């Protein structure tokens, strides 16, 4: 009888004791090698900030490397719930995100910070359309204007692209290469080192941010700076997964999301770009050139309408979207310049 009373008392006490609270853990696949600069500059600090505020509501578990997520499958991995959160470049999945490729439009000068402001504002205004409707972007990561980088050949003019095989990351970049007598190659960033090393590619269109992490300084020699289009990546969840979170978890993530966070990422990327170019310059065996103003204006006059027309053929309403993108980046850059 006494044992039954004791068991009943313990059961009653247990029922009155609040259950332990367990944080919702979101596995965050970056797809980057662990020591990649973007992990150290953006992904890990962001996850640490979320976790510091997340408490028993939500925690982010960053996982690096291609085992869980790669540049080619990052969306599918989130959709299959292999990871609940991922990082990926929208240009690596152009069929899924065609309107977002407006960020790759060349000859629109602007810093990564300006690209960040412009893209996030267009996204929030619905200008990008419904291609992101099933996803919940936490923040966007803008990349600076791509430049021309050749291996073992001078890079002083677009004429130097003639006869060259150039790795490109977007239809726009491919159009520029083709218009100047080169052959565009669709080679994703992690595979470009080997392609350049083996001579399967003669050069690449890329921002300097990629150089330290992917050692492209070892397989390029000559560089031509011109505003040849930026790029956008995002850290995101499925909208359905976000909707299923507790209100407390949503509040934590919301406080580390949105356009203000995206703009801060743009500032980080601008400094990363400057530091990365300095890293390449410090190698001592590289040549750097800037496209002459006259040639730039001539190419812009001749190619920009062609590029816009090609974009419009792939994306309904593409011409209007490009115009809105140009206005957004220009206005954002003017805002940044006025604040400095």
C-alpha atoms as a PDB file:
ATOM      1  CA  UNK A   1       0.000   0.000   0.000  1.00  0.00           C
ATOM      2  CA  UNK A   2       2.810   2.393   0.919  1.00  0.00           C
ATOM      3  CA  UNK A   3       4.592   1.728  -2.371  1.00  0.00           C
ATOM      4  CA  UNK A   4       1.427   2.481  -4.306  1.00  0.00           C
ATOM      5  CA  UNK A   5       0.966   5.763  -2.420  1.00  0.00           C
ATOM      6  CA  UNK A   6       4.600   6.724  -3.077  1.00  0.00           C
ATOM      7  CA  UNK A   7       4.285   5.897  -6.777  1.00  0.00           C
ATOM      8  CA  UNK A   8       1.114   7.938  -6.993  1.00  0.00           C
ATOM      9  CA  UNK A   9       2.729  10.874  -5.252  1.00  0.00           C
ATOM     10  CA  UNK A  10       5.719  10.766  -7.613  1.00  0.00           C
ATOM     11  CA  UNK A  11       3.438  10.600 -10.659  1.00  0.00           C
ATOM     12  CA  UNK A  12       1.463  13.572  -9.414  1.00  0.00           C
ATOM     13  CA  UNK A  13       4.636  15.551  -8.771  1.00  0.00           C
ATOM     14  CA  UNK A  14       5.905  14.735 -12.222  1.00  0.00           C
ATOM     15  CA  UNK A  15       2.661  15.863 -13.805  1.00  0.00           C
ATOM     16  CA  UNK A  16       2.936  19.207 -12.005  1.00  0.00           C
ATOM     17  CA  UNK A  17       6.580  19.724 -13.028  1.00  0.00           C
ATOM     18  CA  UNK A  18       7.017  21.723 -16.272  1.00  0.00           C
ATOM     19  CA  UNK A  19       8.491  19.659 -19.077  1.00  0.00           C
ATOM     20  CA  UNK A  20      12.058  20.541 -20.037  1.00  0.00           C
ATOM     21  CA  UNK A  21      12.216  22.908 -22.978  1.00  0.00           C
ATOM     22  CA  UNK A  22      14.210  21.824 -26.010  1.00  0.00           C
ATOM     23  CA  UNK A  23      15.302  24.261 -28.693  1.00  0.00           C
ATOM     24  CA  UNK A  24      14.328  23.656 -32.309  1.00  0.00           C
ATOM     25  CA  UNK A  25      17.635  22.760 -33.988  1.00  0.00           C
ATOM     26  CA  UNK A  26      17.989  23.729 -37.640  1.00  0.00           C
ATOM     27  CA  UNK A  27      20.802  22.057 -39.568  1.00  0.00           C
ATOM     28  CA  UNK A  28      22.395  24.700 -41.785  1.00  0.00           C
ATOM     29  CA  UNK A  29      24.231  23.331 -44.835  1.00  0.00           C
ATOM     30  CA  UNK A  30      26.693  25.790 -46.329  1.00  0.00           C
ATOM     31  CA  UNK A  31      28.276  23.518 -48.930  1.00  0.00           C
ATOM     32  CA  UNK A  32      31.559  25.366 -48.408  1.00  0.00           C
ATOM     33  CA  UNK A  33      34.865  23.851 -47.363  1.00  0.00           C
ATOM     34  CA  UNK A  34      35.225  24.507 -43.623  1.00  0.00           C
ATOM     35  CA  UNK A  35      37.949  27.149 -43.889  1.00  0.00           C
ATOM     36  CA  UNK A  36      36.322  29.082 -46.736  1.00  0.00           C
ATOM     37  CA  UNK A  37      36.339  32.856 -46.026  1.00  0.00           C
ATOM     38  CA  UNK A  38      32.567  33.134 -46.417  1.00  0.00           C
ATOM     39  CA  UNK A  39      32.138  30.765 -43.471  1.00  0.00           C
ATOM     40  CA  UNK A  40      34.447  32.799 -41.277  1.00  0.00           C
ATOM     41  CA  UNK A  41      33.138  36.199 -42.373  1.00  0.00           C
ATOM     42  CA  UNK A  42      29.400  35.527 -42.701  1.00  0.00           C
ATOM     43  CA  UNK A  43      27.966  32.073 -42.051  1.00  0.00           C
ATOM     44  CA  UNK A  44      29.525  31.226 -38.696  1.00  0.00           C
ATOM     45  CA  UNK A  45      29.182  34.717 -37.124  1.00  0.00           C
ATOM     46  CA  UNK A  46      25.543  34.837 -38.232  1.00  0.00           C
ATOM     47  CA  UNK A  47      24.782  31.392 -36.787  1.00  0.00           C
ATOM     48  CA  UNK A  48      26.559  32.312 -33.536  1.00  0.00           C
ATOM     49  CA  UNK A  49      24.480  35.487 -33.216  1.00  0.00           C
ATOM     50  CA  UNK A  50      21.250  33.536 -33.741  1.00  0.00           C
ATOM     51  CA  UNK A  51      22.297  30.926 -31.202  1.00  0.00           C
ATOM     52  CA  UNK A  52      23.218  33.569 -28.626  1.00  0.00           C
ATOM     53  CA  UNK A  53      19.667  34.910 -28.812  1.00  0.00           C
ATOM     54  CA  UNK A  54      17.961  31.597 -29.532  1.00  0.00           C
ATOM     55  CA  UNK A  55      18.115  30.081 -26.057  1.00  0.00           C
ATOM     56  CA  UNK A  56      15.496  27.351 -25.737  1.00  0.00           C
ATOM     57  CA  UNK A  57      13.618  28.581 -28.821  1.00  0.00           C
ATOM     58  CA  UNK A  58      15.923  27.843 -31.736  1.00  0.00           C
ATOM     59  CA  UNK A  59      19.507  26.875 -32.470  1.00  0.00           C
ATOM     60  CA  UNK A  60      21.352  26.763 -35.787  1.00  0.00           C
ATOM     61  CA  UNK A  61      23.799  23.928 -36.450  1.00  0.00           C
ATOM     62  CA  UNK A  62      26.179  24.894 -39.295  1.00  0.00           C
ATOM     63  CA  UNK A  63      27.537  21.995 -41.345  1.00  0.00           C
ATOM     64  CA  UNK A  64      30.236  22.682 -43.916  1.00  0.00           C
ATOM     65  CA  UNK A  65      31.476  20.661 -46.850  1.00  0.00           C
ATOM     66  CA  UNK A  66      29.709  19.062 -49.819  1.00  0.00           C
ATOM     67  CA  UNK A  67      28.489  15.908 -48.040  1.00  0.00           C
ATOM     68  CA  UNK A  68      25.126  17.447 -47.141  1.00  0.00           C
ATOM     69  CA  UNK A  69      24.865  20.366 -49.570  1.00  0.00           C
ATOM     70  CA  UNK A  70      26.593  21.283 -52.824  1.00  0.00           C
ATOM     71  CA  UNK A  71      26.278  24.286 -55.160  1.00  0.00           C
ATOM     72  CA  UNK A  72      24.157  22.113 -57.459  1.00  0.00           C
ATOM     73  CA  UNK A  73      21.726  20.555 -54.969  1.00  0.00           C
ATOM     74  CA  UNK A  74      21.269  23.088 -52.174  1.00  0.00           C
ATOM     75  CA  UNK A  75      17.568  23.676 -52.931  1.00  0.00           C
ATOM     76  CA  UNK A  76      16.772  19.970 -53.217  1.00  0.00           C
ATOM     77  CA  UNK A  77      18.522  19.262 -49.913  1.00  0.00           C
ATOM     78  CA  UNK A  78      16.271  21.758 -48.154  1.00  0.00           C
ATOM     79  CA  UNK A  79      13.172  20.439 -49.901  1.00  0.00           C
ATOM     80  CA  UNK A  80      14.084  16.875 -48.875  1.00  0.00           C
ATOM     81  CA  UNK A  81      14.684  18.020 -45.260  1.00  0.00           C
ATOM     82  CA  UNK A  82      18.256  16.745 -45.337  1.00  0.00           C
ATOM     83  CA  UNK A  83      19.011  20.209 -43.970  1.00  0.00           C
ATOM     84  CA  UNK A  84      16.499  22.764 -42.759  1.00  0.00           C
ATOM     85  CA  UNK A  85      18.497  25.764 -43.871  1.00  0.00           C
ATOM     86  CA  UNK A  86      21.025  26.265 -46.667  1.00  0.00           C
ATOM     87  CA  UNK A  87      23.246  28.702 -48.487  1.00  0.00           C
ATOM     88  CA  UNK A  88      23.376  28.809 -52.267  1.00  0.00           C
ATOM     89  CA  UNK A  89      24.021  31.025 -55.280  1.00  0.00           C
ATOM     90  CA  UNK A  90      20.870  31.705 -57.288  1.00  0.00           C
ATOM     91  CA  UNK A  91      22.871  31.816 -60.526  1.00  0.00           C
ATOM     92  CA  UNK A  92      23.780  28.141 -60.026  1.00  0.00           C
ATOM     93  CA  UNK A  93      20.094  27.235 -60.468  1.00  0.00           C
ATOM     94  CA  UNK A  94      18.991  29.581 -63.275  1.00  0.00           C
ATOM     95  CA  UNK A  95      16.034  27.460 -64.329  1.00  0.00           C
ATOM     96  CA  UNK A  96      14.507  27.806 -60.879  1.00  0.00           C
ATOM     97  CA  UNK A  97      15.409  31.455 -60.291  1.00  0.00           C
ATOM     98  CA  UNK A  98      15.378  33.179 -63.702  1.00  0.00           C
ATOM     99  CA  UNK A  99      14.179  36.605 -62.541  1.00  0.00           C
ATOM    100  CA  UNK A 100      16.809  36.729 -59.791  1.00  0.00           C
ATOM    101  CA  UNK A 101      19.466  36.599 -62.503  1.00  0.00           C
ATOM    102  CA  UNK A 102      18.726  40.285 -63.120  1.00  0.00           C
ATOM    103  CA  UNK A 103      21.479  40.835 -60.530  1.00  0.00           C
ATOM    104  CA  UNK A 104      24.001  39.520 -63.070  1.00  0.00           C
ATOM    105  CA  UNK A 105      23.233  42.322 -65.555  1.00  0.00           C
ATOM    106  CA  UNK A 106      26.545  43.961 -66.530  1.00  0.00           C
ATOM    107  CA  UNK A 107      27.456  47.618 -67.039  1.00  0.00           C
ATOM    108  CA  UNK A 108      25.428  48.751 -63.981  1.00  0.00           C
ATOM    109  CA  UNK A 109      28.068  50.034 -61.622  1.00  0.00           C
ATOM    110  CA  UNK A 110      27.481  49.519 -57.930  1.00  0.00           C
ATOM    111  CA  UNK A 111      29.119  48.076 -54.836  1.00  0.00           C
ATOM    112  CA  UNK A 112      28.036  44.845 -53.182  1.00  0.00           C
ATOM    113  CA  UNK A 113      26.297  46.975 -50.572  1.00  0.00           C
ATOM    114  CA  UNK A 114      24.310  48.739 -53.301  1.00  0.00           C
ATOM    115  CA  UNK A 115      23.455  45.390 -54.897  1.00  0.00           C
ATOM    116  CA  UNK A 116      22.299  44.165 -51.479  1.00  0.00           C
ATOM    117  CA  UNK A 117      20.015  47.131 -50.904  1.00  0.00           C
ATOM    118  CA  UNK A 118      18.619  47.069 -54.437  1.00  0.00           C
ATOM    119  CA  UNK A 119      17.905  43.346 -54.577  1.00  0.00           C
ATOM    120  CA  UNK A 120      16.339  43.088 -51.136  1.00  0.00           C
ATOM    121  CA  UNK A 121      14.081  46.063 -51.827  1.00  0.00           C
ATOM    122  CA  UNK A 122      12.921  44.570 -55.128  1.00  0.00           C
ATOM    123  CA  UNK A 123      12.304  41.237 -53.404  1.00  0.00           C
ATOM    124  CA  UNK A 124      10.240  42.786 -50.634  1.00  0.00           C
ATOM    125  CA  UNK A 125       8.266  44.824 -53.170  1.00  0.00           C
ATOM    126  CA  UNK A 126       7.390  41.643 -55.074  1.00  0.00           C
ATOM    127  CA  UNK A 127       9.303  42.741 -58.171  1.00  0.00           C
ATOM    128  CA  UNK A 128      11.298  39.522 -58.303  1.00  0.00           C
ATOM    129  CA  UNK A 129       7.987  37.672 -58.637  1.00  0.00           C
ATOM    130  CA  UNK A 130       6.840  34.359 -57.203  1.00  0.00           C
ATOM    131  CA  UNK A 131       9.952  32.261 -57.910  1.00  0.00           C
ATOM    132  CA  UNK A 132      10.921  32.622 -54.223  1.00  0.00           C
ATOM    133  CA  UNK A 133       7.396  32.101 -52.893  1.00  0.00           C
ATOM    134  CA  UNK A 134       8.075  28.594 -51.542  1.00  0.00           C
ATOM    135  CA  UNK A 135      11.209  29.749 -49.752  1.00  0.00           C
ATOM    136  CA  UNK A 136      11.847  31.956 -46.760  1.00  0.00           C
ATOM    137  CA  UNK A 137      15.045  33.952 -47.404  1.00  0.00           C
ATOM    138  CA  UNK A 138      16.672  34.881 -44.116  1.00  0.00           C
ATOM    139  CA  UNK A 139      19.132  37.168 -45.846  1.00  0.00           C
ATOM    140  CA  UNK A 140      20.755  37.641 -49.213  1.00  0.00           C
ATOM    141  CA  UNK A 141      24.495  37.760 -49.820  1.00  0.00           C
ATOM    142  CA  UNK A 142      25.469  40.029 -52.734  1.00  0.00           C
ATOM    143  CA  UNK A 143      28.650  39.589 -54.691  1.00  0.00           C
ATOM    144  CA  UNK A 144      30.587  42.402 -56.352  1.00  0.00           C
ATOM    145  CA  UNK A 145      30.942  43.026 -60.047  1.00  0.00           C
ATOM    146  CA  UNK A 146      32.711  40.184 -61.820  1.00  0.00           C
ATOM    147  CA  UNK A 147      35.941  40.868 -63.677  1.00  0.00           C
ATOM    148  CA  UNK A 148      37.944  39.180 -66.418  1.00  0.00           C
ATOM    149  CA  UNK A 149      40.774  36.889 -65.322  1.00  0.00           C
ATOM    150  CA  UNK A 150      43.025  35.090 -67.812  1.00  0.00           C
ATOM    151  CA  UNK A 151      45.722  32.490 -67.334  1.00  0.00           C
ATOM    152  CA  UNK A 152      48.930  33.210 -69.227  1.00  0.00           C
ATOM    153  CA  UNK A 153      47.457  35.796 -71.593  1.00  0.00           C
ATOM    154  CA  UNK A 154      47.214  39.614 -71.469  1.00  0.00           C
ATOM    155  CA  UNK A 155      43.929  41.098 -70.260  1.00  0.00           C
ATOM    156  CA  UNK A 156      43.908  44.713 -71.391  1.00  0.00           C
ATOM    157  CA  UNK A 157      40.761  44.760 -73.524  1.00  0.00           C
ATOM    158  CA  UNK A 158      37.668  42.702 -74.296  1.00  0.00           C
ATOM    159  CA  UNK A 159      39.416  41.961 -77.584  1.00  0.00           C
ATOM    160  CA  UNK A 160      41.683  39.677 -75.572  1.00  0.00           C
ATOM    161  CA  UNK A 161      38.737  37.304 -75.113  1.00  0.00           C
ATOM    162  CA  UNK A 162      38.856  36.351 -78.792  1.00  0.00           C
ATOM    163  CA  UNK A 163      39.664  32.676 -79.227  1.00  0.00           C
ATOM    164  CA  UNK A 164      39.638  32.051 -75.478  1.00  0.00           C
ATOM    165  CA  UNK A 165      37.575  29.530 -73.510  1.00  0.00           C
ATOM    166  CA  UNK A 166      36.099  31.416 -70.555  1.00  0.00           C
ATOM    167  CA  UNK A 167      34.288  29.965 -67.537  1.00  0.00           C
ATOM    168  CA  UNK A 168      31.090  31.914 -66.928  1.00  0.00           C
ATOM    169  CA  UNK A 169      28.376  31.731 -64.298  1.00  0.00           C
ATOM    170  CA  UNK A 170      25.408  33.278 -66.059  1.00  0.00           C
ATOM    171  CA  UNK A 171      23.841  33.671 -69.503  1.00  0.00           C
ATOM    172  CA  UNK A 172      24.797  37.356 -69.421  1.00  0.00           C
ATOM    173  CA  UNK A 173      28.487  36.616 -68.913  1.00  0.00           C
ATOM    174  CA  UNK A 174      28.292  34.009 -71.663  1.00  0.00           C
ATOM    175  CA  UNK A 175      26.822  36.620 -74.024  1.00  0.00           C
ATOM    176  CA  UNK A 176      29.703  39.030 -73.380  1.00  0.00           C
ATOM    177  CA  UNK A 177      32.275  36.314 -74.067  1.00  0.00           C
ATOM    178  CA  UNK A 178      30.539  35.225 -77.273  1.00  0.00           C
ATOM    179  CA  UNK A 179      30.154  38.805 -78.508  1.00  0.00           C
ATOM    180  CA  UNK A 180      33.910  39.246 -78.246  1.00  0.00           C
ATOM    181  CA  UNK A 181      34.916  36.089 -80.083  1.00  0.00           C
ATOM    182  CA  UNK A 182      35.403  33.809 -77.087  1.00  0.00           C
ATOM    183  CA  UNK A 183      33.775  30.522 -76.129  1.00  0.00           C
ATOM    184  CA  UNK A 184      31.776  30.558 -72.886  1.00  0.00           C
ATOM    185  CA  UNK A 185      31.991  27.482 -70.676  1.00  0.00           C
ATOM    186  CA  UNK A 186      29.485  26.556 -67.984  1.00  0.00           C
ATOM    187  CA  UNK A 187      31.786  25.558 -65.124  1.00  0.00           C
ATOM    188  CA  UNK A 188      30.726  25.987 -61.489  1.00  0.00           C
ATOM    189  CA  UNK A 189      33.187  27.710 -59.194  1.00  0.00           C
ATOM    190  CA  UNK A 190      34.487  24.653 -57.296  1.00  0.00           C
ATOM    191  CA  UNK A 191      35.533  23.084 -60.612  1.00  0.00           C
ATOM    192  CA  UNK A 192      37.227  26.124 -62.135  1.00  0.00           C
ATOM    193  CA  UNK A 193      40.662  25.634 -60.562  1.00  0.00           C
ATOM    194  CA  UNK A 194      41.113  22.269 -62.257  1.00  0.00           C
ATOM    195  CA  UNK A 195      39.745  23.548 -65.575  1.00  0.00           C
ATOM    196  CA  UNK A 196      42.188  26.471 -65.582  1.00  0.00           C
ATOM    197  CA  UNK A 197      45.080  24.333 -64.414  1.00  0.00           C
ATOM    198  CA  UNK A 198      44.571  21.768 -67.164  1.00  0.00           C
ATOM    199  CA  UNK A 199      43.969  24.320 -69.884  1.00  0.00           C
ATOM    200  CA  UNK A 200      40.348  23.285 -70.375  1.00  0.00           C
ATOM    201  CA  UNK A 201      39.569  26.948 -69.697  1.00  0.00           C
ATOM    202  CA  UNK A 202      41.725  29.980 -70.484  1.00  0.00           C
ATOM    203  CA  UNK A 203      40.065  32.316 -68.028  1.00  0.00           C
ATOM    204  CA  UNK A 204      37.049  33.102 -65.898  1.00  0.00           C
ATOM    205  CA  UNK A 205      34.566  35.862 -65.150  1.00  0.00           C
ATOM    206  CA  UNK A 206      34.656  36.116 -61.370  1.00  0.00           C
ATOM    207  CA  UNK A 207      34.848  38.534 -58.464  1.00  0.00           C
ATOM    208  CA  UNK A 208      38.061  38.624 -56.433  1.00  0.00           C
ATOM    209  CA  UNK A 209      36.241  37.179 -53.398  1.00  0.00           C
ATOM    210  CA  UNK A 210      36.597  33.705 -54.907  1.00  0.00           C
ATOM    211  CA  UNK A 211      40.376  33.854 -55.174  1.00  0.00           C
ATOM    212  CA  UNK A 212      41.628  33.082 -51.641  1.00  0.00           C
ATOM    213  CA  UNK A 213      39.101  30.317 -50.964  1.00  0.00           C
ATOM    214  CA  UNK A 214      39.447  28.573 -54.322  1.00  0.00           C
ATOM    215  CA  UNK A 215      43.120  29.465 -54.957  1.00  0.00           C
ATOM    216  CA  UNK A 216      42.341  30.979 -58.343  1.00  0.00           C
ATOM    217  CA  UNK A 217      45.412  33.179 -57.948  1.00  0.00           C
ATOM    218  CA  UNK A 218      47.456  30.053 -58.696  1.00  0.00           C
ATOM    219  CA  UNK A 219      45.807  29.528 -62.092  1.00  0.00           C
ATOM    220  CA  UNK A 220      45.395  33.112 -63.337  1.00  0.00           C
ATOM    221  CA  UNK A 221      47.929  35.771 -64.219  1.00  0.00           C
ATOM    222  CA  UNK A 222      46.179  38.775 -65.805  1.00  0.00           C
ATOM    223  CA  UNK A 223      43.112  40.680 -64.646  1.00  0.00           C
ATOM    224  CA  UNK A 224      40.814  43.249 -66.269  1.00  0.00           C
ATOM    225  CA  UNK A 225      38.513  45.268 -64.027  1.00  0.00           C
ATOM    226  CA  UNK A 226      35.106  46.268 -65.416  1.00  0.00           C
ATOM    227  CA  UNK A 227      31.558  46.136 -63.989  1.00  0.00           C
ATOM    228  CA  UNK A 228      30.444  42.898 -65.620  1.00  0.00           C
ATOM    229  CA  UNK A 229      27.532  42.082 -63.327  1.00  0.00           C
ATOM    230  CA  UNK A 230      27.208  40.962 -59.747  1.00  0.00           C
ATOM    231  CA  UNK A 231      25.442  37.948 -58.269  1.00  0.00           C
ATOM    232  CA  UNK A 232      23.118  37.050 -55.438  1.00  0.00           C
ATOM    233  CA  UNK A 233      23.093  34.143 -53.010  1.00  0.00           C
ATOM    234  CA  UNK A 234      20.759  33.495 -50.141  1.00  0.00           C
ATOM    235  CA  UNK A 235      20.508  31.754 -46.794  1.00  0.00           C
ATOM    236  CA  UNK A 236      17.003  30.363 -46.636  1.00  0.00           C
ATOM    237  CA  UNK A 237      14.479  27.858 -45.337  1.00  0.00           C
ATOM    238  CA  UNK A 238      11.354  26.420 -46.858  1.00  0.00           C
ATOM    239  CA  UNK A 239       8.460  28.749 -46.107  1.00  0.00           C
ATOM    240  CA  UNK A 240       6.490  25.779 -44.762  1.00  0.00           C
ATOM    241  CA  UNK A 241       9.308  24.901 -42.353  1.00  0.00           C
ATOM    242  CA  UNK A 242       9.515  28.478 -41.137  1.00  0.00           C
ATOM    243  CA  UNK A 243       5.731  28.621 -40.671  1.00  0.00           C
ATOM    244  CA  UNK A 244       5.872  25.494 -38.490  1.00  0.00           C
ATOM    245  CA  UNK A 245       8.317  27.064 -36.021  1.00  0.00           C
ATOM    246  CA  UNK A 246       7.193  28.413 -32.680  1.00  0.00           C
ATOM    247  CA  UNK A 247       6.483  32.116 -32.409  1.00  0.00           C
ATOM    248  CA  UNK A 248       9.566  32.435 -30.208  1.00  0.00           C
ATOM    249  CA  UNK A 249      11.797  30.772 -32.798  1.00  0.00           C
ATOM    250  CA  UNK A 250      10.374  32.941 -35.575  1.00  0.00           C
ATOM    251  CA  UNK A 251      11.025  36.074 -33.536  1.00  0.00           C
ATOM    252  CA  UNK A 252      14.674  35.124 -33.063  1.00  0.00           C
ATOM    253  CA  UNK A 253      15.198  34.395 -36.748  1.00  0.00           C
ATOM    254  CA  UNK A 254      13.336  37.551 -37.774  1.00  0.00           C
ATOM    255  CA  UNK A 255      15.667  39.657 -35.647  1.00  0.00           C
ATOM    256  CA  UNK A 256      18.597  38.305 -37.674  1.00  0.00           C
ATOM    257  CA  UNK A 257      16.936  38.522 -41.089  1.00  0.00           C
ATOM    258  CA  UNK A 258      15.786  41.004 -43.684  1.00  0.00           C
ATOM    259  CA  UNK A 259      17.140  43.937 -45.649  1.00  0.00           C
ATOM    260  CA  UNK A 260      19.158  45.526 -42.838  1.00  0.00           C
ATOM    261  CA  UNK A 261      21.043  42.258 -42.324  1.00  0.00           C
ATOM    262  CA  UNK A 262      21.436  41.895 -46.088  1.00  0.00           C
ATOM    263  CA  UNK A 263      22.947  45.379 -46.310  1.00  0.00           C
ATOM    264  CA  UNK A 264      25.435  44.508 -43.574  1.00  0.00           C
ATOM    265  CA  UNK A 265      26.414  41.443 -45.565  1.00  0.00           C
ATOM    266  CA  UNK A 266      27.023  43.727 -48.537  1.00  0.00           C
ATOM    267  CA  UNK A 267      29.429  45.813 -46.478  1.00  0.00           C
ATOM    268  CA  UNK A 268      31.267  42.682 -45.384  1.00  0.00           C
ATOM    269  CA  UNK A 269      31.526  41.469 -48.981  1.00  0.00           C
ATOM    270  CA  UNK A 270      32.874  44.833 -50.198  1.00  0.00           C
ATOM    271  CA  UNK A 271      35.673  44.635 -47.636  1.00  0.00           C
ATOM    272  CA  UNK A 272      36.244  40.973 -48.514  1.00  0.00           C
ATOM    273  CA  UNK A 273      36.552  41.925 -52.197  1.00  0.00           C
ATOM    274  CA  UNK A 274      39.100  44.653 -51.426  1.00  0.00           C
ATOM    275  CA  UNK A 275      41.106  42.338 -49.169  1.00  0.00           C
ATOM    276  CA  UNK A 276      40.982  39.529 -51.746  1.00  0.00           C
ATOM    277  CA  UNK A 277      42.267  41.738 -54.541  1.00  0.00           C
ATOM    278  CA  UNK A 278      45.040  42.848 -52.203  1.00  0.00           C
ATOM    279  CA  UNK A 279      45.814  39.193 -51.553  1.00  0.00           C
ATOM    280  CA  UNK A 280      46.216  38.538 -55.285  1.00  0.00           C
ATOM    281  CA  UNK A 281      48.287  41.705 -55.771  1.00  0.00           C
ATOM    282  CA  UNK A 282      50.601  40.586 -52.984  1.00  0.00           C
ATOM    283  CA  UNK A 283      51.540  37.485 -54.995  1.00  0.00           C
ATOM    284  CA  UNK A 284      53.716  39.785 -57.123  1.00  0.00           C
ATOM    285  CA  UNK A 285      53.359  37.952 -60.431  1.00  0.00           C
ATOM    286  CA  UNK A 286      49.974  39.259 -61.564  1.00  0.00           C
ATOM    287  CA  UNK A 287      49.067  42.069 -63.955  1.00  0.00           C
ATOM    288  CA  UNK A 288      46.043  44.320 -63.359  1.00  0.00           C
ATOM    289  CA  UNK A 289      44.333  46.534 -65.901  1.00  0.00           C
ATOM    290  CA  UNK A 290      41.210  48.661 -66.134  1.00  0.00           C
ATOM    291  CA  UNK A 291      39.100  48.709 -69.272  1.00  0.00           C
ATOM    292  CA  UNK A 292      39.659  52.044 -71.071  1.00  0.00           C
ATOM    293  CA  UNK A 293      36.668  54.391 -70.695  1.00  0.00           C
ATOM    294  CA  UNK A 294      36.153  54.747 -74.444  1.00  0.00           C
ATOM    295  CA  UNK A 295      36.089  50.995 -74.989  1.00  0.00           C
ATOM    296  CA  UNK A 296      33.799  50.497 -72.015  1.00  0.00           C
ATOM    297  CA  UNK A 297      31.274  53.043 -73.291  1.00  0.00           C
ATOM    298  CA  UNK A 298      31.406  51.584 -76.812  1.00  0.00           C
ATOM    299  CA  UNK A 299      30.854  48.041 -75.582  1.00  0.00           C
ATOM    300  CA  UNK A 300      28.126  49.163 -73.207  1.00  0.00           C
ATOM    301  CA  UNK A 301      26.324  50.984 -76.041  1.00  0.00           C
ATOM    302  CA  UNK A 302      26.581  47.990 -78.352  1.00  0.00           C
ATOM    303  CA  UNK A 303      26.015  45.120 -75.926  1.00  0.00           C
ATOM    304  CA  UNK A 304      23.649  46.378 -73.225  1.00  0.00           C
ATOM    305  CA  UNK A 305      20.555  46.446 -75.488  1.00  0.00           C
ATOM    306  CA  UNK A 306      21.421  42.974 -76.778  1.00  0.00           C
ATOM    307  CA  UNK A 307      21.798  41.629 -73.247  1.00  0.00           C
ATOM    308  CA  UNK A 308      18.511  43.191 -72.144  1.00  0.00           C
ATOM    309  CA  UNK A 309      16.762  41.722 -75.183  1.00  0.00           C
ATOM    310  CA  UNK A 310      18.183  38.274 -74.434  1.00  0.00           C
ATOM    311  CA  UNK A 311      17.089  38.511 -70.795  1.00  0.00           C
ATOM    312  CA  UNK A 312      13.598  39.565 -71.872  1.00  0.00           C
ATOM    313  CA  UNK A 313      13.380  36.548 -74.176  1.00  0.00           C
ATOM    314  CA  UNK A 314      14.087  34.238 -71.246  1.00  0.00           C
ATOM    315  CA  UNK A 315      12.092  36.132 -68.614  1.00  0.00           C
ATOM    316  CA  UNK A 316       8.647  37.629 -69.252  1.00  0.00           C
ATOM    317  CA  UNK A 317       8.759  41.326 -68.429  1.00  0.00           C
ATOM    318  CA  UNK A 318      12.545  41.139 -68.396  1.00  0.00           C
ATOM    319  CA  UNK A 319      13.177  44.544 -69.937  1.00  0.00           C
ATOM    320  CA  UNK A 320      11.093  46.314 -67.300  1.00  0.00           C
ATOM    321  CA  UNK A 321      12.783  44.263 -64.587  1.00  0.00           C
ATOM    322  CA  UNK A 322      16.248  45.292 -65.801  1.00  0.00           C
ATOM    323  CA  UNK A 323      15.190  48.946 -65.774  1.00  0.00           C
ATOM    324  CA  UNK A 324      13.896  48.615 -62.213  1.00  0.00           C
ATOM    325  CA  UNK A 325      17.093  46.837 -61.196  1.00  0.00           C
ATOM    326  CA  UNK A 326      19.291  49.551 -62.698  1.00  0.00           C
ATOM    327  CA  UNK A 327      17.265  52.268 -60.943  1.00  0.00           C
ATOM    328  CA  UNK A 328      17.382  50.417 -57.609  1.00  0.00           C
ATOM    329  CA  UNK A 329      21.161  49.874 -57.681  1.00  0.00           C
ATOM    330  CA  UNK A 330      21.867  53.415 -58.864  1.00  0.00           C
ATOM    331  CA  UNK A 331      19.668  54.899 -56.130  1.00  0.00           C
ATOM    332  CA  UNK A 332      21.234  52.655 -53.497  1.00  0.00           C
ATOM    333  CA  UNK A 333      24.756  53.633 -54.547  1.00  0.00           C
ATOM    334  CA  UNK A 334      23.828  57.317 -54.418  1.00  0.00           C
ATOM    335  CA  UNK A 335      22.452  56.759 -50.922  1.00  0.00           C
ATOM    336  CA  UNK A 336      25.663  55.026 -49.811  1.00  0.00           C
ATOM    337  CA  UNK A 337      27.836  57.780 -51.327  1.00  0.00           C
ATOM    338  CA  UNK A 338      25.795  60.488 -49.583  1.00  0.00           C
ATOM    339  CA  UNK A 339      26.191  58.745 -46.238  1.00  0.00           C
ATOM    340  CA  UNK A 340      29.969  58.399 -46.528  1.00  0.00           C
END
